[in-house]
Amino acid sequence: MKKSKKLFLVLAGLFMLVILYISYDIASKTTYPGSKGNLKERIAPSDTTSNDPAEKD
């Protein structure tokens, strides 16, 4: 095997390891949207300020 092919394989392996590490890191910091359940704030936001101009005095 040529030296350039060995170097390519080593660099490709290192690149894959770095990509796998970054993917794992990002995945560990996020949660699946369905895992939180349906909170009341998601279903009906409890916004106390109104943006409707018809309700202003």
N, C-alpha and C. Protein backbone atom coordinates (compact mmCIF):
# COMPACT_ATOMS: atom_id res chain seq x y z
N MET A 1 0.86 -1.18 0.00
CA MET A 1 0.00 0.00 0.00
C MET A 1 0.90 1.24 0.00
N LYS A 2 0.56 2.18 -0.85
CA LYS A 2 1.36 3.40 -0.96
C LYS A 2 1.19 4.26 0.28
N LYS A 3 2.20 5.09 0.49
CA LYS A 3 2.20 5.98 1.65
C LYS A 3 1.03 6.97 1.57
N SER A 4 0.72 7.46 0.38
CA SER A 4 -0.37 8.43 0.24
C SER A 4 -1.73 7.79 0.56
N LYS A 5 -1.90 6.52 0.22
CA LYS A 5 -3.15 5.83 0.52
C LYS A 5 -3.30 5.61 2.03
N LYS A 6 -2.20 5.27 2.70
CA LYS A 6 -2.24 5.10 4.16
C LYS A 6 -2.58 6.42 4.83
N LEU A 7 -1.97 7.51 4.35
CA LEU A 7 -2.24 8.82 4.92
C LEU A 7 -3.71 9.19 4.72
N PHE A 8 -4.24 8.92 3.55
CA PHE A 8 -5.65 9.20 3.27
C PHE A 8 -6.55 8.42 4.20
N LEU A 9 -6.26 7.14 4.40
CA LEU A 9 -7.10 6.32 5.27
C LEU A 9 -7.03 6.79 6.72
N VAL A 10 -5.87 7.21 7.17
CA VAL A 10 -5.73 7.72 8.54
C VAL A 10 -6.52 9.02 8.69
N LEU A 11 -6.37 9.92 7.74
CA LEU A 11 -7.11 11.19 7.81
C LEU A 11 -8.61 10.97 7.70
N ALA A 12 -9.04 10.05 6.85
CA ALA A 12 -10.46 9.75 6.72
C ALA A 12 -11.01 9.17 8.03
N GLY A 13 -10.24 8.31 8.67
CA GLY A 13 -10.65 7.74 9.95
C GLY A 13 -10.76 8.80 11.03
N LEU A 14 -9.78 9.72 11.08
CA LEU A 14 -9.83 10.80 12.06
C LEU A 14 -11.03 11.72 11.80
N PHE A 15 -11.29 12.00 10.54
CA PHE A 15 -12.43 12.84 10.19
C PHE A 15 -13.73 12.19 10.64
N MET A 16 -13.87 10.91 10.40
CA MET A 16 -15.08 10.20 10.82
C MET A 16 -15.25 10.21 12.33
N LEU A 17 -14.15 10.04 13.06
CA LEU A 17 -14.22 10.07 14.52
C LEU A 17 -14.66 11.45 15.02
N VAL A 18 -14.12 12.50 14.42
CA VAL A 18 -14.50 13.85 14.82
C VAL A 18 -15.97 14.10 14.52
N ILE A 19 -16.44 13.69 13.35
CA ILE A 19 -17.85 13.88 12.99
C ILE A 19 -18.76 13.09 13.93
N LEU A 20 -18.38 11.87 14.27
CA LEU A 20 -19.19 11.08 15.21
C LEU A 20 -19.22 11.71 16.59
N TYR A 21 -18.09 12.26 17.04
CA TYR A 21 -18.06 12.92 18.34
C TYR A 21 -18.95 14.16 18.36
N ILE A 22 -18.87 14.97 17.30
CA ILE A 22 -19.70 16.17 17.23
C ILE A 22 -21.18 15.79 17.17
N SER A 23 -21.51 14.77 16.42
CA SER A 23 -22.91 14.32 16.33
C SER A 23 -23.42 13.86 17.68
N TYR A 24 -22.62 13.10 18.40
CA TYR A 24 -23.01 12.63 19.73
C TYR A 24 -23.19 13.80 20.69
N ASP A 25 -22.29 14.78 20.62
CA ASP A 25 -22.35 15.93 21.51
C ASP A 25 -23.63 16.74 21.26
N ILE A 26 -23.95 16.97 20.00
CA ILE A 26 -25.17 17.72 19.68
C ILE A 26 -26.40 16.93 20.10
N ALA A 27 -26.41 15.63 19.84
CA ALA A 27 -27.56 14.81 20.18
C ALA A 27 -27.77 14.73 21.69
N SER A 28 -26.72 14.78 22.47
CA SER A 28 -26.87 14.69 23.92
C SER A 28 -27.42 15.98 24.52
N LYS A 29 -27.31 17.08 23.80
CA LYS A 29 -27.79 18.36 24.32
C LYS A 29 -29.22 18.68 23.88
N THR A 30 -29.80 17.86 23.02
CA THR A 30 -31.17 18.11 22.57
C THR A 30 -32.07 16.98 23.03
N THR A 31 -33.36 17.26 23.05
CA THR A 31 -34.32 16.24 23.44
C THR A 31 -35.32 16.03 22.31
N TYR A 32 -35.88 14.86 22.27
CA TYR A 32 -36.91 14.55 21.29
C TYR A 32 -38.16 15.35 21.63
N PRO A 33 -38.77 16.02 20.68
CA PRO A 33 -39.93 16.87 20.98
C PRO A 33 -41.08 16.14 21.67
N GLY A 34 -41.26 14.87 21.40
CA GLY A 34 -42.35 14.13 22.02
C GLY A 34 -42.08 13.69 23.43
N SER A 35 -40.86 13.87 23.91
CA SER A 35 -40.51 13.37 25.25
C SER A 35 -40.97 14.31 26.36
N LYS A 36 -41.32 15.55 26.03
CA LYS A 36 -41.70 16.51 27.06
C LYS A 36 -43.18 16.45 27.40
N GLY A 37 -43.97 15.85 26.56
CA GLY A 37 -45.41 15.83 26.81
C GLY A 37 -46.03 17.12 26.35
N ASN A 38 -47.32 17.23 26.51
CA ASN A 38 -48.03 18.44 26.09
C ASN A 38 -48.25 19.35 27.29
N LEU A 39 -47.45 20.37 27.35
CA LEU A 39 -47.59 21.33 28.43
C LEU A 39 -48.73 22.30 28.11
N LYS A 40 -49.32 22.87 29.15
CA LYS A 40 -50.41 23.82 28.95
C LYS A 40 -49.94 25.03 28.15
N GLU A 41 -48.70 25.45 28.34
CA GLU A 41 -48.17 26.60 27.64
C GLU A 41 -48.07 26.34 26.13
N ARG A 42 -47.89 25.11 25.75
CA ARG A 42 -47.82 24.80 24.33
C ARG A 42 -49.21 24.78 23.70
N ILE A 43 -50.17 24.26 24.45
CA ILE A 43 -51.52 24.14 23.91
C ILE A 43 -52.19 25.50 23.85
N ALA A 44 -52.21 26.21 24.96
CA ALA A 44 -52.82 27.53 25.04
C ALA A 44 -51.86 28.47 25.76
N PRO A 45 -51.09 29.25 25.03
CA PRO A 45 -50.13 30.15 25.69
C PRO A 45 -50.82 31.13 26.62
N SER A 46 -50.25 31.30 27.78
CA SER A 46 -50.82 32.21 28.78
C SER A 46 -50.14 33.56 28.65
N ASP A 47 -50.45 34.26 27.58
CA ASP A 47 -49.87 35.57 27.32
C ASP A 47 -50.77 36.63 27.96
N THR A 48 -50.23 37.38 28.91
CA THR A 48 -51.03 38.38 29.62
C THR A 48 -51.13 39.67 28.83
N THR A 49 -50.21 39.93 27.93
CA THR A 49 -50.29 41.13 27.11
C THR A 49 -51.01 40.82 25.82
N SER A 50 -51.84 41.72 25.41
CA SER A 50 -52.63 41.51 24.22
C SER A 50 -52.09 42.37 23.09
N ASN A 51 -52.04 41.83 21.90
CA ASN A 51 -51.60 42.57 20.74
C ASN A 51 -52.78 43.02 19.88
N ASP A 52 -53.99 42.80 20.36
CA ASP A 52 -55.18 43.15 19.61
C ASP A 52 -55.48 44.64 19.84
N PRO A 53 -55.44 45.48 18.83
CA PRO A 53 -55.69 46.91 19.03
C PRO A 53 -57.13 47.23 19.40
N ALA A 54 -58.09 46.34 19.14
CA ALA A 54 -59.49 46.59 19.47
C ALA A 54 -59.73 46.54 20.98
N GLU A 55 -58.85 45.87 21.73
CA GLU A 55 -59.06 45.73 23.17
C GLU A 55 -58.47 46.88 23.97
N LYS A 56 -57.72 47.78 23.32
CA LYS A 56 -57.09 48.89 24.07
C LYS A 56 -58.13 49.95 24.41
N ASP A 57 -57.95 50.59 25.57
CA ASP A 57 -58.89 51.63 26.03
C ASP A 57 -58.60 52.96 25.39
